[in-house]
């Protein structure tokens, strides 16, 4: 029961951040799965990817209804992202959880710092 309640809490927070900021999987769920549910980094990444699909579909419906989706950007980005995600999962399997955690942390820091100094 505790696992379900924690998972629901993580899902609620991820849903809010996905809907408002376009993030939720890597930024919210991966760290939460690791720290609150004790998952290994690789399992946390894989589980968050599974959750992202239905989450993204629900958000996409609302964004599309509001006319906010730029479909001309969507298609080439989606094709490139799908191909490289397939390749990257192969790399993930070869990395240790420690290596993957460090890559994840550096990426989050770089993105966060760049967003702090970006002009809106």
PDB file of N, CA and C in Angstrom:
ATOM      1  N   UNK A   1       0.820  -1.196   0.000  1.00  0.00           N
ATOM      2  CA  UNK A   1       0.000   0.000   0.000  1.00  0.00           C
ATOM      3  C   UNK A   1       0.872   1.271   0.000  1.00  0.00           C
ATOM      4  N   UNK A   2       1.962   1.245   0.788  1.00  0.00           N
ATOM      5  CA  UNK A   2       2.864   2.397   0.843  1.00  0.00           C
ATOM      6  C   UNK A   2       3.465   2.676  -0.532  1.00  0.00           C
ATOM      7  N   UNK A   3       3.871   1.608  -1.243  1.00  0.00           N
ATOM      8  CA  UNK A   3       4.432   1.750  -2.589  1.00  0.00           C
ATOM      9  C   UNK A   3       3.428   2.449  -3.504  1.00  0.00           C
ATOM     10  N   UNK A   4       2.174   2.056  -3.415  1.00  0.00           N
ATOM     11  CA  UNK A   4       1.134   2.644  -4.272  1.00  0.00           C
ATOM     12  C   UNK A   4       0.934   4.117  -3.941  1.00  0.00           C
ATOM     13  N   UNK A   5       0.893   4.460  -2.656  1.00  0.00           N
ATOM     14  CA  UNK A   5       0.694   5.857  -2.263  1.00  0.00           C
ATOM     15  C   UNK A   5       1.869   6.736  -2.688  1.00  0.00           C
ATOM     16  N   UNK A   6       3.079   6.243  -2.493  1.00  0.00           N
ATOM     17  CA  UNK A   6       4.255   7.010  -2.926  1.00  0.00           C
ATOM     18  C   UNK A   6       4.246   7.158  -4.441  1.00  0.00           C
ATOM     19  N   UNK A   7       3.932   6.077  -5.143  1.00  0.00           N
ATOM     20  CA  UNK A   7       3.873   6.124  -6.610  1.00  0.00           C
ATOM     21  C   UNK A   7       2.816   7.117  -7.091  1.00  0.00           C
ATOM     22  N   UNK A   8       1.655   7.133  -6.426  1.00  0.00           N
ATOM     23  CA  UNK A   8       0.617   8.103  -6.785  1.00  0.00           C
ATOM     24  C   UNK A   8       1.096   9.534  -6.568  1.00  0.00           C
ATOM     25  N   UNK A   9       1.783   9.770  -5.466  1.00  0.00           N
ATOM     26  CA  UNK A   9       2.322  11.104  -5.194  1.00  0.00           C
ATOM     27  C   UNK A   9       3.330  11.538  -6.242  1.00  0.00           C
ATOM     28  N   UNK A  10       4.211  10.623  -6.601  1.00  0.00           N
ATOM     29  CA  UNK A  10       5.200  10.918  -7.644  1.00  0.00           C
ATOM     30  C   UNK A  10       4.482  11.214  -8.958  1.00  0.00           C
ATOM     31  N   UNK A  11       3.479  10.427  -9.270  1.00  0.00           N
ATOM     32  CA  UNK A  11       2.718  10.626 -10.500  1.00  0.00           C
ATOM     33  C   UNK A  11       1.983  11.959 -10.529  1.00  0.00           C
ATOM     34  N   UNK A  12       1.400  12.350  -9.409  1.00  0.00           N
ATOM     35  CA  UNK A  12       0.702  13.634  -9.345  1.00  0.00           C
ATOM     36  C   UNK A  12       1.670  14.795  -9.571  1.00  0.00           C
ATOM     37  N   UNK A  13       2.798  14.749  -8.902  1.00  0.00           N
ATOM     38  CA  UNK A  13       3.790  15.821  -9.066  1.00  0.00           C
ATOM     39  C   UNK A  13       4.338  15.840 -10.490  1.00  0.00           C
ATOM     40  N   UNK A  14       4.626  14.668 -11.040  1.00  0.00           N
ATOM     41  CA  UNK A  14       5.132  14.585 -12.411  1.00  0.00           C
ATOM     42  C   UNK A  14       4.096  15.088 -13.403  1.00  0.00           C
ATOM     43  N   UNK A  15       2.831  14.791 -13.164  1.00  0.00           N
ATOM     44  CA  UNK A  15       1.770  15.262 -14.051  1.00  0.00           C
ATOM     45  C   UNK A  15       1.652  16.776 -14.059  1.00  0.00           C
ATOM     46  N   UNK A  16       1.754  17.383 -12.878  1.00  0.00           N
ATOM     47  CA  UNK A  16       1.691  18.839 -12.789  1.00  0.00           C
ATOM     48  C   UNK A  16       2.877  19.463 -13.516  1.00  0.00           C
ATOM     49  N   UNK A  17       4.078  18.947 -13.264  1.00  0.00           N
ATOM     50  CA  UNK A  17       5.250  19.529 -13.914  1.00  0.00           C
ATOM     51  C   UNK A  17       5.251  19.262 -15.418  1.00  0.00           C
ATOM     52  N   UNK A  18       4.723  18.123 -15.838  1.00  0.00           N
ATOM     53  CA  UNK A  18       4.636  17.839 -17.273  1.00  0.00           C
ATOM     54  C   UNK A  18       3.662  18.802 -17.943  1.00  0.00           C
ATOM     55  N   UNK A  19       2.521  19.014 -17.305  1.00  0.00           N
ATOM     56  CA  UNK A  19       1.517  19.896 -17.883  1.00  0.00           C
ATOM     57  C   UNK A  19       1.941  21.355 -17.902  1.00  0.00           C
ATOM     58  N   UNK A  20       2.658  21.780 -16.865  1.00  0.00           N
ATOM     59  CA  UNK A  20       3.047  23.187 -16.774  1.00  0.00           C
ATOM     60  C   UNK A  20       4.378  23.499 -17.448  1.00  0.00           C
ATOM     61  N   UNK A  21       5.316  22.576 -17.340  1.00  0.00           N
ATOM     62  CA  UNK A  21       6.685  22.868 -17.779  1.00  0.00           C
ATOM     63  C   UNK A  21       7.180  21.955 -18.893  1.00  0.00           C
ATOM     64  N   UNK A  22       6.432  20.929 -19.229  1.00  0.00           N
ATOM     65  CA  UNK A  22       6.879  20.000 -20.258  1.00  0.00           C
ATOM     66  C   UNK A  22       7.911  19.010 -19.754  1.00  0.00           C
ATOM     67  N   UNK A  23       8.054  18.915 -18.447  1.00  0.00           N
ATOM     68  CA  UNK A  23       8.997  17.959 -17.859  1.00  0.00           C
ATOM     69  C   UNK A  23       8.268  17.142 -16.802  1.00  0.00           C
ATOM     70  N   UNK A  24       8.799  16.042 -16.461  1.00  0.00           N
ATOM     71  CA  UNK A  24       8.164  15.195 -15.456  1.00  0.00           C
ATOM     72  C   UNK A  24       8.879  13.881 -15.329  1.00  0.00           C
ATOM     73  N   UNK A  25       9.316  13.331 -16.453  1.00  0.00           N
ATOM     74  CA  UNK A  25       9.984  12.034 -16.431  1.00  0.00           C
ATOM     75  C   UNK A  25      11.349  12.093 -15.792  1.00  0.00           C
ATOM     76  N   UNK A  26      12.290  12.643 -16.515  1.00  0.00           N
ATOM     77  CA  UNK A  26      13.653  12.692 -16.010  1.00  0.00           C
ATOM     78  C   UNK A  26      13.824  13.603 -14.820  1.00  0.00           C
ATOM     79  N   UNK A  27      13.201  14.739 -14.866  1.00  0.00           N
ATOM     80  CA  UNK A  27      13.410  15.741 -13.828  1.00  0.00           C
ATOM     81  C   UNK A  27      12.740  15.384 -12.509  1.00  0.00           C
ATOM     82  N   UNK A  28      11.577  14.783 -12.554  1.00  0.00           N
ATOM     83  CA  UNK A  28      10.817  14.495 -11.336  1.00  0.00           C
ATOM     84  C   UNK A  28      10.835  13.016 -10.989  1.00  0.00           C
ATOM     85  N   UNK A  29      10.406  12.192 -11.917  1.00  0.00           N
ATOM     86  CA  UNK A  29      10.211  10.781 -11.590  1.00  0.00           C
ATOM     87  C   UNK A  29      11.506  10.026 -11.329  1.00  0.00           C
ATOM     88  N   UNK A  30      12.526  10.238 -12.128  1.00  0.00           N
ATOM     89  CA  UNK A  30      13.767   9.471 -11.945  1.00  0.00           C
ATOM     90  C   UNK A  30      14.334   9.690 -10.538  1.00  0.00           C
ATOM     91  N   UNK A  31      14.559  10.949 -10.124  1.00  0.00           N
ATOM     92  CA  UNK A  31      15.067  11.117  -8.756  1.00  0.00           C
ATOM     93  C   UNK A  31      14.096  10.599  -7.678  1.00  0.00           C
ATOM     94  N   UNK A  32      12.805  10.817  -7.888  1.00  0.00           N
ATOM     95  CA  UNK A  32      11.819  10.361  -6.889  1.00  0.00           C
ATOM     96  C   UNK A  32      11.794   8.834  -6.792  1.00  0.00           C
ATOM     97  N   UNK A  33      11.856   8.146  -7.920  1.00  0.00           N
ATOM     98  CA  UNK A  33      11.887   6.680  -7.888  1.00  0.00           C
ATOM     99  C   UNK A  33      13.125   6.183  -7.143  1.00  0.00           C
ATOM    100  N   UNK A  34      14.236   6.862  -7.334  1.00  0.00           N
ATOM    101  CA  UNK A  34      15.485   6.446  -6.683  1.00  0.00           C
ATOM    102  C   UNK A  34      15.420   6.702  -5.182  1.00  0.00           C
ATOM    103  N   UNK A  35      15.053   7.923  -4.800  1.00  0.00           N
ATOM    104  CA  UNK A  35      15.132   8.301  -3.394  1.00  0.00           C
ATOM    105  C   UNK A  35      13.953   7.829  -2.558  1.00  0.00           C
ATOM    106  N   UNK A  36      12.763   7.781  -3.121  1.00  0.00           N
ATOM    107  CA  UNK A  36      11.594   7.395  -2.339  1.00  0.00           C
ATOM    108  C   UNK A  36      11.229   5.924  -2.469  1.00  0.00           C
ATOM    109  N   UNK A  37      11.574   5.309  -3.601  1.00  0.00           N
ATOM    110  CA  UNK A  37      11.231   3.900  -3.804  1.00  0.00           C
ATOM    111  C   UNK A  37      12.445   2.990  -3.849  1.00  0.00           C
ATOM    112  N   UNK A  38      13.638   3.562  -3.785  1.00  0.00           N
ATOM    113  CA  UNK A  38      14.856   2.752  -3.738  1.00  0.00           C
ATOM    114  C   UNK A  38      15.218   2.049  -5.035  1.00  0.00           C
ATOM    115  N   UNK A  39      14.725   2.541  -6.165  1.00  0.00           N
ATOM    116  CA  UNK A  39      15.053   1.919  -7.449  1.00  0.00           C
ATOM    117  C   UNK A  39      16.501   2.218  -7.823  1.00  0.00           C
ATOM    118  N   UNK A  40      17.078   1.349  -8.627  1.00  0.00           N
ATOM    119  CA  UNK A  40      18.375   1.633  -9.228  1.00  0.00           C
ATOM    120  C   UNK A  40      18.148   2.624 -10.366  1.00  0.00           C
ATOM    121  N   UNK A  41      19.186   3.365 -10.707  1.00  0.00           N
ATOM    122  CA  UNK A  41      19.100   4.408 -11.732  1.00  0.00           C
ATOM    123  C   UNK A  41      18.520   3.869 -13.041  1.00  0.00           C
ATOM    124  N   UNK A  42      18.999   2.727 -13.489  1.00  0.00           N
ATOM    125  CA  UNK A  42      18.537   2.174 -14.774  1.00  0.00           C
ATOM    126  C   UNK A  42      17.043   1.861 -14.727  1.00  0.00           C
ATOM    127  N   UNK A  43      16.574   1.247 -13.657  1.00  0.00           N
ATOM    128  CA  UNK A  43      15.144   0.926 -13.530  1.00  0.00           C
ATOM    129  C   UNK A  43      14.308   2.193 -13.422  1.00  0.00           C
ATOM    130  N   UNK A  44      14.834   3.202 -12.726  1.00  0.00           N
ATOM    131  CA  UNK A  44      14.109   4.460 -12.593  1.00  0.00           C
ATOM    132  C   UNK A  44      13.931   5.124 -13.956  1.00  0.00           C
ATOM    133  N   UNK A  45      14.980   5.126 -14.763  1.00  0.00           N
ATOM    134  CA  UNK A  45      14.901   5.704 -16.111  1.00  0.00           C
ATOM    135  C   UNK A  45      13.887   4.926 -16.947  1.00  0.00           C
ATOM    136  N   UNK A  46      13.978   3.612 -16.928  1.00  0.00           N
ATOM    137  CA  UNK A  46      13.079   2.784 -17.742  1.00  0.00           C
ATOM    138  C   UNK A  46      11.625   2.933 -17.301  1.00  0.00           C
ATOM    139  N   UNK A  47      11.389   2.965 -15.997  1.00  0.00           N
ATOM    140  CA  UNK A  47      10.027   3.106 -15.486  1.00  0.00           C
ATOM    141  C   UNK A  47       9.457   4.474 -15.826  1.00  0.00           C
ATOM    142  N   UNK A  48      10.284   5.516 -15.710  1.00  0.00           N
ATOM    143  CA  UNK A  48       9.789   6.852 -16.047  1.00  0.00           C
ATOM    144  C   UNK A  48       9.432   6.949 -17.530  1.00  0.00           C
ATOM    145  N   UNK A  49      10.210   6.281 -18.378  1.00  0.00           N
ATOM    146  CA  UNK A  49       9.887   6.287 -19.808  1.00  0.00           C
ATOM    147  C   UNK A  49       8.529   5.640 -20.072  1.00  0.00           C
ATOM    148  N   UNK A  50       8.237   4.570 -19.343  1.00  0.00           N
ATOM    149  CA  UNK A  50       6.935   3.910 -19.509  1.00  0.00           C
ATOM    150  C   UNK A  50       5.801   4.837 -19.069  1.00  0.00           C
ATOM    151  N   UNK A  51       6.020   5.606 -18.017  1.00  0.00           N
ATOM    152  CA  UNK A  51       4.994   6.517 -17.508  1.00  0.00           C
ATOM    153  C   UNK A  51       4.833   7.733 -18.415  1.00  0.00           C
ATOM    154  N   UNK A  52       5.913   8.140 -19.061  1.00  0.00           N
ATOM    155  CA  UNK A  52       5.880   9.333 -19.902  1.00  0.00           C
ATOM    156  C   UNK A  52       4.908   9.182 -21.073  1.00  0.00           C
ATOM    157  N   UNK A  53       4.796   7.995 -21.629  1.00  0.00           N
ATOM    158  CA  UNK A  53       3.954   7.813 -22.818  1.00  0.00           C
ATOM    159  C   UNK A  53       2.497   8.222 -22.546  1.00  0.00           C
ATOM    160  N   UNK A  54       1.811   7.622 -21.562  1.00  0.00           N
ATOM    161  CA  UNK A  54       0.424   8.059 -21.338  1.00  0.00           C
ATOM    162  C   UNK A  54       0.326   9.498 -20.832  1.00  0.00           C
ATOM    163  N   UNK A  55       1.317   9.932 -20.053  1.00  0.00           N
ATOM    164  CA  UNK A  55       1.321  11.308 -19.558  1.00  0.00           C
ATOM    165  C   UNK A  55       1.418  12.286 -20.729  1.00  0.00           C
ATOM    166  N   UNK A  56       2.330  12.018 -21.635  1.00  0.00           N
ATOM    167  CA  UNK A  56       2.515  12.894 -22.796  1.00  0.00           C
ATOM    168  C   UNK A  56       1.284  12.906 -23.689  1.00  0.00           C
ATOM    169  N   UNK A  57       0.648  11.771 -23.849  1.00  0.00           N
ATOM    170  CA  UNK A  57      -0.554  11.712 -24.689  1.00  0.00           C
ATOM    171  C   UNK A  57      -1.653  12.595 -24.104  1.00  0.00           C
ATOM    172  N   UNK A  58      -1.858  12.511 -22.788  1.00  0.00           N
ATOM    173  CA  UNK A  58      -2.904  13.322 -22.162  1.00  0.00           C
ATOM    174  C   UNK A  58      -2.588  14.817 -22.283  1.00  0.00           C
ATOM    175  N   UNK A  59      -1.342  15.186 -22.027  1.00  0.00           N
ATOM    176  CA  UNK A  59      -0.955  16.597 -22.152  1.00  0.00           C
ATOM    177  C   UNK A  59      -1.056  17.053 -23.605  1.00  0.00           C
ATOM    178  N   UNK A  60      -0.657  16.207 -24.537  1.00  0.00           N
ATOM    179  CA  UNK A  60      -0.712  16.547 -25.952  1.00  0.00           C
ATOM    180  C   UNK A  60      -2.138  16.846 -26.408  1.00  0.00           C
ATOM    181  N   UNK A  61      -3.082  16.082 -25.922  1.00  0.00           N
ATOM    182  CA  UNK A  61      -4.483  16.325 -26.290  1.00  0.00           C
ATOM    183  C   UNK A  61      -4.880  17.752 -25.924  1.00  0.00           C
ATOM    184  N   UNK A  62      -4.572  18.158 -24.700  1.00  0.00           N
ATOM    185  CA  UNK A  62      -4.945  19.504 -24.243  1.00  0.00           C
ATOM    186  C   UNK A  62      -4.164  20.589 -24.978  1.00  0.00           C
ATOM    187  N   UNK A  63      -2.861  20.379 -25.167  1.00  0.00           N
ATOM    188  CA  UNK A  63      -2.049  21.369 -25.875  1.00  0.00           C
ATOM    189  C   UNK A  63      -2.508  21.504 -27.322  1.00  0.00           C
ATOM    190  N   UNK A  64      -2.855  20.386 -27.943  1.00  0.00           N
ATOM    191  CA  UNK A  64      -3.315  20.408 -29.329  1.00  0.00           C
ATOM    192  C   UNK A  64      -4.655  21.133 -29.439  1.00  0.00           C
ATOM    193  N   UNK A  65      -5.549  20.868 -28.501  1.00  0.00           N
ATOM    194  CA  UNK A  65      -6.844  21.556 -28.494  1.00  0.00           C
ATOM    195  C   UNK A  65      -6.669  23.067 -28.371  1.00  0.00           C
ATOM    196  N   UNK A  66      -5.636  23.482 -27.666  1.00  0.00           N
ATOM    197  CA  UNK A  66      -5.370  24.912 -27.487  1.00  0.00           C
ATOM    198  C   UNK A  66      -4.580  25.504 -28.655  1.00  0.00           C
ATOM    199  N   UNK A  67      -4.218  24.674 -29.628  1.00  0.00           N
ATOM    200  CA  UNK A  67      -3.480  25.144 -30.795  1.00  0.00           C
ATOM    201  C   UNK A  67      -2.030  25.501 -30.497  1.00  0.00           C
ATOM    202  N   UNK A  68      -1.470  24.882 -29.484  1.00  0.00           N
ATOM    203  CA  UNK A  68      -0.112  25.224 -29.058  1.00  0.00           C
ATOM    204  C   UNK A  68       0.984  24.353 -29.663  1.00  0.00           C
ATOM    205  N   UNK A  69       0.596  23.261 -30.290  1.00  0.00           N
ATOM    206  CA  UNK A  69       1.595  22.341 -30.837  1.00  0.00           C
ATOM    207  C   UNK A  69       2.025  22.813 -32.224  1.00  0.00           C
ATOM    208  N   UNK A  70       3.307  22.954 -32.417  1.00  0.00           N
ATOM    209  CA  UNK A  70       3.836  23.311 -33.735  1.00  0.00           C
ATOM    210  C   UNK A  70       4.203  21.999 -34.440  1.00  0.00           C
ATOM    211  N   UNK A  71       3.266  21.489 -35.212  1.00  0.00           N
ATOM    212  CA  UNK A  71       3.421  20.168 -35.821  1.00  0.00           C
ATOM    213  C   UNK A  71       4.593  20.114 -36.798  1.00  0.00           C
ATOM    214  N   UNK A  72       4.915  21.236 -37.441  1.00  0.00           N
ATOM    215  CA  UNK A  72       6.048  21.249 -38.374  1.00  0.00           C
ATOM    216  C   UNK A  72       7.378  21.032 -37.627  1.00  0.00           C
ATOM    217  N   UNK A  73       7.419  21.351 -36.358  1.00  0.00           N
ATOM    218  CA  UNK A  73       8.592  21.092 -35.527  1.00  0.00           C
ATOM    219  C   UNK A  73       8.504  19.690 -34.926  1.00  0.00           C
ATOM    220  N   UNK A  74       7.284  19.265 -34.623  1.00  0.00           N
ATOM    221  CA  UNK A  74       7.073  17.956 -33.997  1.00  0.00           C
ATOM    222  C   UNK A  74       7.648  16.805 -34.806  1.00  0.00           C
ATOM    223  N   UNK A  75       7.291  16.722 -36.076  1.00  0.00           N
ATOM    224  CA  UNK A  75       7.650  15.542 -36.867  1.00  0.00           C
ATOM    225  C   UNK A  75       9.156  15.298 -36.978  1.00  0.00           C
ATOM    226  N   UNK A  76       9.967  16.257 -37.436  1.00  0.00           N
ATOM    227  CA  UNK A  76      11.397  15.958 -37.525  1.00  0.00           C
ATOM    228  C   UNK A  76      12.030  15.717 -36.153  1.00  0.00           C
ATOM    229  N   UNK A  77      11.544  16.443 -35.133  1.00  0.00           N
ATOM    230  CA  UNK A  77      12.086  16.253 -33.792  1.00  0.00           C
ATOM    231  C   UNK A  77      11.742  14.862 -33.268  1.00  0.00           C
ATOM    232  N   UNK A  78      10.518  14.440 -33.466  1.00  0.00           N
ATOM    233  CA  UNK A  78      10.085  13.117 -32.992  1.00  0.00           C
ATOM    234  C   UNK A  78      10.857  11.995 -33.679  1.00  0.00           C
ATOM    235  N   UNK A  79      11.047  12.110 -34.974  1.00  0.00           N
ATOM    236  CA  UNK A  79      11.779  11.074 -35.714  1.00  0.00           C
ATOM    237  C   UNK A  79      13.213  10.973 -35.208  1.00  0.00           C
ATOM    238  N   UNK A  80      13.877  12.114 -35.057  1.00  0.00           N
ATOM    239  CA  UNK A  80      15.262  12.108 -34.558  1.00  0.00           C
ATOM    240  C   UNK A  80      15.332  11.595 -33.127  1.00  0.00           C
ATOM    241  N   UNK A  81      14.396  12.017 -32.293  1.00  0.00           N
ATOM    242  CA  UNK A  81      14.394  11.598 -30.887  1.00  0.00           C
ATOM    243  C   UNK A  81      14.136  10.096 -30.746  1.00  0.00           C
ATOM    244  N   UNK A  82      13.224   9.562 -31.548  1.00  0.00           N
ATOM    245  CA  UNK A  82      12.938   8.125 -31.467  1.00  0.00           C
ATOM    246  C   UNK A  82      14.158   7.305 -31.870  1.00  0.00           C
ATOM    247  N   UNK A  83      14.819   7.703 -32.935  1.00  0.00           N
ATOM    248  CA  UNK A  83      15.991   6.951 -33.404  1.00  0.00           C
ATOM    249  C   UNK A  83      17.118   6.991 -32.375  1.00  0.00           C
ATOM    250  N   UNK A  84      17.399   8.163 -31.851  1.00  0.00           N
ATOM    251  CA  UNK A  84      18.501   8.260 -30.896  1.00  0.00           C
ATOM    252  C   UNK A  84      18.143   7.652 -29.547  1.00  0.00           C
ATOM    253  N   UNK A  85      16.878   7.702 -29.149  1.00  0.00           N
ATOM    254  CA  UNK A  85      16.466   7.052 -27.896  1.00  0.00           C
ATOM    255  C   UNK A  85      16.669   5.544 -27.988  1.00  0.00           C
ATOM    256  N   UNK A  86      16.385   4.992 -29.151  1.00  0.00           N
ATOM    257  CA  UNK A  86      16.599   3.552 -29.348  1.00  0.00           C
ATOM    258  C   UNK A  86      18.086   3.214 -29.167  1.00  0.00           C
ATOM    259  N   UNK A  87      18.948   4.019 -29.767  1.00  0.00           N
ATOM    260  CA  UNK A  87      20.391   3.796 -29.638  1.00  0.00           C
ATOM    261  C   UNK A  87      20.870   4.025 -28.202  1.00  0.00           C
ATOM    262  N   UNK A  88      20.359   5.068 -27.559  1.00  0.00           N
ATOM    263  CA  UNK A  88      20.805   5.412 -26.206  1.00  0.00           C
ATOM    264  C   UNK A  88      20.440   4.343 -25.188  1.00  0.00           C
ATOM    265  N   UNK A  89      19.348   3.632 -25.407  1.00  0.00           N
ATOM    266  CA  UNK A  89      19.006   2.562 -24.459  1.00  0.00           C
ATOM    267  C   UNK A  89      20.049   1.456 -24.512  1.00  0.00           C
ATOM    268  N   UNK A  90      20.685   1.280 -25.638  1.00  0.00           N
ATOM    269  CA  UNK A  90      21.789   0.327 -25.737  1.00  0.00           C
ATOM    270  C   UNK A  90      22.985   0.784 -24.916  1.00  0.00           C
ATOM    271  N   UNK A  91      23.257   2.081 -24.954  1.00  0.00           N
ATOM    272  CA  UNK A  91      24.354   2.634 -24.157  1.00  0.00           C
ATOM    273  C   UNK A  91      24.042   2.492 -22.673  1.00  0.00           C
ATOM    274  N   UNK A  92      22.785   2.770 -22.302  1.00  0.00           N
ATOM    275  CA  UNK A  92      22.368   2.685 -20.900  1.00  0.00           C
ATOM    276  C   UNK A  92      22.639   1.300 -20.327  1.00  0.00           C
ATOM    277  N   UNK A  93      22.340   0.280 -21.108  1.00  0.00           N
ATOM    278  CA  UNK A  93      22.538  -1.098 -20.619  1.00  0.00           C
ATOM    279  C   UNK A  93      24.007  -1.394 -20.324  1.00  0.00           C
ATOM    280  N   UNK A  94      24.915  -0.706 -21.018  1.00  0.00           N
ATOM    281  CA  UNK A  94      26.346  -0.948 -20.835  1.00  0.00           C
ATOM    282  C   UNK A  94      26.951  -0.122 -19.704  1.00  0.00           C
ATOM    283  N   UNK A  95      26.246   0.904 -19.253  1.00  0.00           N
ATOM    284  CA  UNK A  95      26.772   1.785 -18.208  1.00  0.00           C
ATOM    285  C   UNK A  95      26.419   1.250 -16.829  1.00  0.00           C
ATOM    286  N   UNK A  96      27.250   1.577 -15.853  1.00  0.00           N
ATOM    287  CA  UNK A  96      26.910   1.233 -14.471  1.00  0.00           C
ATOM    288  C   UNK A  96      25.886   2.246 -13.970  1.00  0.00           C
ATOM    289  N   UNK A  97      25.172   1.893 -12.905  1.00  0.00           N
ATOM    290  CA  UNK A  97      24.225   2.838 -12.318  1.00  0.00           C
ATOM    291  C   UNK A  97      24.943   4.094 -11.851  1.00  0.00           C
ATOM    292  N   UNK A  98      26.157   3.946 -11.339  1.00  0.00           N
ATOM    293  CA  UNK A  98      26.928   5.094 -10.875  1.00  0.00           C
ATOM    294  C   UNK A  98      27.269   6.032 -12.035  1.00  0.00           C
ATOM    295  N   UNK A  99      27.726   5.476 -13.156  1.00  0.00           N
ATOM    296  CA  UNK A  99      28.041   6.296 -14.328  1.00  0.00           C
ATOM    297  C   UNK A  99      26.798   7.031 -14.827  1.00  0.00           C
ATOM    298  N   UNK A 100      25.697   6.305 -14.898  1.00  0.00           N
ATOM    299  CA  UNK A 100      24.456   6.885 -15.388  1.00  0.00           C
ATOM    300  C   UNK A 100      23.967   8.004 -14.469  1.00  0.00           C
ATOM    301  N   UNK A 101      24.093   7.810 -13.160  1.00  0.00           N
ATOM    302  CA  UNK A 101      23.701   8.839 -12.203  1.00  0.00           C
ATOM    303  C   UNK A 101      24.518  10.103 -12.417  1.00  0.00           C
ATOM    304  N   UNK A 102      25.811   9.959 -12.654  1.00  0.00           N
ATOM    305  CA  UNK A 102      26.670  11.122 -12.877  1.00  0.00           C
ATOM    306  C   UNK A 102      26.314  11.840 -14.185  1.00  0.00           C
ATOM    307  N   UNK A 103      26.058  11.098 -15.239  1.00  0.00           N
ATOM    308  CA  UNK A 103      25.656  11.704 -16.514  1.00  0.00           C
ATOM    309  C   UNK A 103      24.355  12.483 -16.315  1.00  0.00           C
ATOM    310  N   UNK A 104      23.409  11.867 -15.631  1.00  0.00           N
ATOM    311  CA  UNK A 104      22.110  12.481 -15.355  1.00  0.00           C
ATOM    312  C   UNK A 104      22.283  13.775 -14.561  1.00  0.00           C
ATOM    313  N   UNK A 105      23.109  13.739 -13.525  1.00  0.00           N
ATOM    314  CA  UNK A 105      23.322  14.910 -12.667  1.00  0.00           C
ATOM    315  C   UNK A 105      23.970  16.051 -13.448  1.00  0.00           C
ATOM    316  N   UNK A 106      24.980  15.750 -14.234  1.00  0.00           N
ATOM    317  CA  UNK A 106      25.653  16.783 -15.023  1.00  0.00           C
ATOM    318  C   UNK A 106      24.675  17.406 -16.020  1.00  0.00           C
ATOM    319  N   UNK A 107      23.874  16.587 -16.666  1.00  0.00           N
ATOM    320  CA  UNK A 107      22.889  17.101 -17.619  1.00  0.00           C
ATOM    321  C   UNK A 107      21.896  18.031 -16.936  1.00  0.00           C
ATOM    322  N   UNK A 108      21.392  17.630 -15.778  1.00  0.00           N
ATOM    323  CA  UNK A 108      20.431  18.474 -15.063  1.00  0.00           C
ATOM    324  C   UNK A 108      21.064  19.804 -14.653  1.00  0.00           C
ATOM    325  N   UNK A 109      22.305  19.776 -14.218  1.00  0.00           N
ATOM    326  CA  UNK A 109      22.995  21.004 -13.825  1.00  0.00           C
ATOM    327  C   UNK A 109      23.175  21.915 -15.035  1.00  0.00           C
ATOM    328  N   UNK A 110      23.657  21.365 -16.148  1.00  0.00           N
ATOM    329  CA  UNK A 110      23.883  22.177 -17.347  1.00  0.00           C
ATOM    330  C   UNK A 110      22.591  22.808 -17.859  1.00  0.00           C
ATOM    331  N   UNK A 111      21.534  22.029 -17.904  1.00  0.00           N
ATOM    332  CA  UNK A 111      20.255  22.557 -18.376  1.00  0.00           C
ATOM    333  C   UNK A 111      19.734  23.619 -17.413  1.00  0.00           C
ATOM    334  N   UNK A 112      19.801  23.336 -16.119  1.00  0.00           N
ATOM    335  CA  UNK A 112      19.324  24.301 -15.130  1.00  0.00           C
ATOM    336  C   UNK A 112      20.074  25.612 -15.178  1.00  0.00           C
ATOM    337  N   UNK A 113      21.390  25.557 -15.253  1.00  0.00           N
ATOM    338  CA  UNK A 113      22.196  26.783 -15.310  1.00  0.00           C
ATOM    339  C   UNK A 113      21.901  27.555 -16.591  1.00  0.00           C
ATOM    340  N   UNK A 114      21.787  26.854 -17.703  1.00  0.00           N
ATOM    341  CA  UNK A 114      21.508  27.563 -18.959  1.00  0.00           C
ATOM    342  C   UNK A 114      20.135  28.235 -18.914  1.00  0.00           C
ATOM    343  N   UNK A 115      19.160  27.617 -18.261  1.00  0.00           N
ATOM    344  CA  UNK A 115      17.837  28.217 -18.162  1.00  0.00           C
ATOM    345  C   UNK A 115      17.848  29.449 -17.256  1.00  0.00           C
ATOM    346  N   UNK A 116      18.691  29.436 -16.230  1.00  0.00           N
ATOM    347  CA  UNK A 116      18.781  30.591 -15.335  1.00  0.00           C
ATOM    348  C   UNK A 116      19.253  31.844 -16.059  1.00  0.00           C
ATOM    349  N   UNK A 117      20.131  31.678 -17.047  1.00  0.00           N
ATOM    350  CA  UNK A 117      20.735  32.824 -17.721  1.00  0.00           C
ATOM    351  C   UNK A 117      20.149  33.111 -19.096  1.00  0.00           C
ATOM    352  N   UNK A 118      19.151  32.347 -19.509  1.00  0.00           N
ATOM    353  CA  UNK A 118      18.518  32.562 -20.810  1.00  0.00           C
ATOM    354  C   UNK A 118      17.540  33.731 -20.719  1.00  0.00           C
ATOM    355  N   UNK A 119      17.576  34.592 -21.711  1.00  0.00           N
ATOM    356  CA  UNK A 119      16.626  35.691 -21.757  1.00  0.00           C
ATOM    357  C   UNK A 119      15.310  35.176 -22.318  1.00  0.00           C
ATOM    358  N   UNK A 120      14.231  35.513 -21.656  1.00  0.00           N
ATOM    359  CA  UNK A 120      12.908  35.033 -22.067  1.00  0.00           C
ATOM    360  C   UNK A 120      12.354  35.824 -23.218  1.00  0.00           C
TER     361      UNK A 120
END
